[in-house]
């Protein structure tokens, strides 16, 4: 999605929100009541991500391991 499409999408959604707000206000002025039962709040469920384990290696060997993994990712094995 390009920047222009994203901007237009945000403007469209903002317009829809403004339209809904104006419509609710007009309904209240005319006398049309909103439904009596309010919607229940949305419950967000998150998963627990455990912390990384501390290794007993020194930082130099950890750096070497990171270097090796970068080489493997790049496809340049030993």
C-alpha atoms as a PDB file:
ATOM      1  CA  UNK A   1       0.000   0.000   0.000  1.00  0.00           C
ATOM      2  CA  UNK A   2       1.496   3.328  -1.010  1.00  0.00           C
ATOM      3  CA  UNK A   3       1.659   6.425   1.136  1.00  0.00           C
ATOM      4  CA  UNK A   4      -1.115   8.071  -0.857  1.00  0.00           C
ATOM      5  CA  UNK A   5      -3.417   5.042  -0.496  1.00  0.00           C
ATOM      6  CA  UNK A   6      -2.729   4.916   3.231  1.00  0.00           C
ATOM      7  CA  UNK A   7      -3.514   8.619   3.602  1.00  0.00           C
ATOM      8  CA  UNK A   8      -6.752   8.246   1.650  1.00  0.00           C
ATOM      9  CA  UNK A   9      -7.708   5.226   3.770  1.00  0.00           C
ATOM     10  CA  UNK A  10      -7.135   7.204   6.979  1.00  0.00           C
ATOM     11  CA  UNK A  11      -9.186  10.110   5.649  1.00  0.00           C
ATOM     12  CA  UNK A  12     -11.985   7.724   4.640  1.00  0.00           C
ATOM     13  CA  UNK A  13     -12.038   6.081   8.075  1.00  0.00           C
ATOM     14  CA  UNK A  14     -11.965   9.465   9.804  1.00  0.00           C
ATOM     15  CA  UNK A  15     -14.895  10.559   7.627  1.00  0.00           C
ATOM     16  CA  UNK A  16     -16.865   7.446   8.574  1.00  0.00           C
ATOM     17  CA  UNK A  17     -16.214   8.126  12.255  1.00  0.00           C
ATOM     18  CA  UNK A  18     -17.332  11.733  11.891  1.00  0.00           C
ATOM     19  CA  UNK A  19     -20.455  10.622   9.997  1.00  0.00           C
ATOM     20  CA  UNK A  20     -21.343   8.146  12.775  1.00  0.00           C
ATOM     21  CA  UNK A  21     -20.849  10.828  15.428  1.00  0.00           C
ATOM     22  CA  UNK A  22     -23.082  13.326  13.593  1.00  0.00           C
ATOM     23  CA  UNK A  23     -25.712  10.652  12.965  1.00  0.00           C
ATOM     24  CA  UNK A  24     -25.815   9.661  16.659  1.00  0.00           C
ATOM     25  CA  UNK A  25     -26.223  13.303  17.644  1.00  0.00           C
ATOM     26  CA  UNK A  26     -29.029  13.816  15.123  1.00  0.00           C
ATOM     27  CA  UNK A  27     -30.778  10.668  16.356  1.00  0.00           C
ATOM     28  CA  UNK A  28     -30.552  11.962  19.921  1.00  0.00           C
ATOM     29  CA  UNK A  29     -32.011  15.341  18.859  1.00  0.00           C
ATOM     30  CA  UNK A  30     -34.868  13.689  16.947  1.00  0.00           C
ATOM     31  CA  UNK A  31     -35.590  11.388  19.857  1.00  0.00           C
ATOM     32  CA  UNK A  32     -34.430   8.025  18.586  1.00  0.00           C
ATOM     33  CA  UNK A  33     -32.825   6.316  21.528  1.00  0.00           C
ATOM     34  CA  UNK A  34     -29.767   4.153  21.277  1.00  0.00           C
ATOM     35  CA  UNK A  35     -30.104   0.529  22.400  1.00  0.00           C
ATOM     36  CA  UNK A  36     -30.435   0.246  26.187  1.00  0.00           C
ATOM     37  CA  UNK A  37     -27.904  -2.551  26.558  1.00  0.00           C
ATOM     38  CA  UNK A  38     -24.311  -1.252  26.253  1.00  0.00           C
ATOM     39  CA  UNK A  39     -21.821  -3.497  24.498  1.00  0.00           C
ATOM     40  CA  UNK A  40     -19.524  -5.478  26.781  1.00  0.00           C
ATOM     41  CA  UNK A  41     -15.907  -4.280  26.797  1.00  0.00           C
ATOM     42  CA  UNK A  42     -13.490  -6.129  24.555  1.00  0.00           C
ATOM     43  CA  UNK A  43     -11.096  -8.358  26.462  1.00  0.00           C
ATOM     44  CA  UNK A  44      -7.566  -8.500  25.078  1.00  0.00           C
ATOM     45  CA  UNK A  45      -5.732 -11.779  25.461  1.00  0.00           C
ATOM     46  CA  UNK A  46      -1.958 -11.742  25.505  1.00  0.00           C
ATOM     47  CA  UNK A  47       0.436 -14.633  25.600  1.00  0.00           C
ATOM     48  CA  UNK A  48       3.254 -14.782  28.101  1.00  0.00           C
ATOM     49  CA  UNK A  49       6.673 -14.660  26.505  1.00  0.00           C
ATOM     50  CA  UNK A  50       9.360 -15.937  28.880  1.00  0.00           C
ATOM     51  CA  UNK A  51      12.599 -14.005  29.168  1.00  0.00           C
ATOM     52  CA  UNK A  52      15.721 -15.238  27.414  1.00  0.00           C
ATOM     53  CA  UNK A  53      17.891 -17.548  29.436  1.00  0.00           C
ATOM     54  CA  UNK A  54      21.226 -16.239  30.622  1.00  0.00           C
ATOM     55  CA  UNK A  55      24.115 -18.177  29.159  1.00  0.00           C
ATOM     56  CA  UNK A  56      27.247 -18.976  31.077  1.00  0.00           C
ATOM     57  CA  UNK A  57      29.526 -18.035  28.182  1.00  0.00           C
ATOM     58  CA  UNK A  58      31.564 -14.874  28.049  1.00  0.00           C
ATOM     59  CA  UNK A  59      30.553 -12.042  25.759  1.00  0.00           C
ATOM     60  CA  UNK A  60      33.384 -12.864  23.323  1.00  0.00           C
ATOM     61  CA  UNK A  61      32.095 -16.368  22.648  1.00  0.00           C
ATOM     62  CA  UNK A  62      28.555 -15.021  22.404  1.00  0.00           C
ATOM     63  CA  UNK A  63      29.731 -12.578  19.757  1.00  0.00           C
ATOM     64  CA  UNK A  64      31.435 -15.395  17.907  1.00  0.00           C
ATOM     65  CA  UNK A  65      28.180 -17.370  17.982  1.00  0.00           C
ATOM     66  CA  UNK A  66      26.286 -14.400  16.589  1.00  0.00           C
ATOM     67  CA  UNK A  67      28.891 -14.072  13.860  1.00  0.00           C
ATOM     68  CA  UNK A  68      28.533 -17.750  12.956  1.00  0.00           C
ATOM     69  CA  UNK A  69      24.770 -17.517  12.816  1.00  0.00           C
ATOM     70  CA  UNK A  70      25.001 -14.465  10.535  1.00  0.00           C
ATOM     71  CA  UNK A  71      27.292 -16.438   8.222  1.00  0.00           C
ATOM     72  CA  UNK A  72      24.851 -19.354   8.171  1.00  0.00           C
ATOM     73  CA  UNK A  73      21.949 -17.033   7.401  1.00  0.00           C
ATOM     74  CA  UNK A  74      23.955 -15.473   4.569  1.00  0.00           C
ATOM     75  CA  UNK A  75      24.714 -18.925   3.203  1.00  0.00           C
ATOM     76  CA  UNK A  76      28.474 -18.706   3.727  1.00  0.00           C
ATOM     77  CA  UNK A  77      29.219 -21.733   5.832  1.00  0.00           C
ATOM     78  CA  UNK A  78      32.657 -22.529   7.201  1.00  0.00           C
END
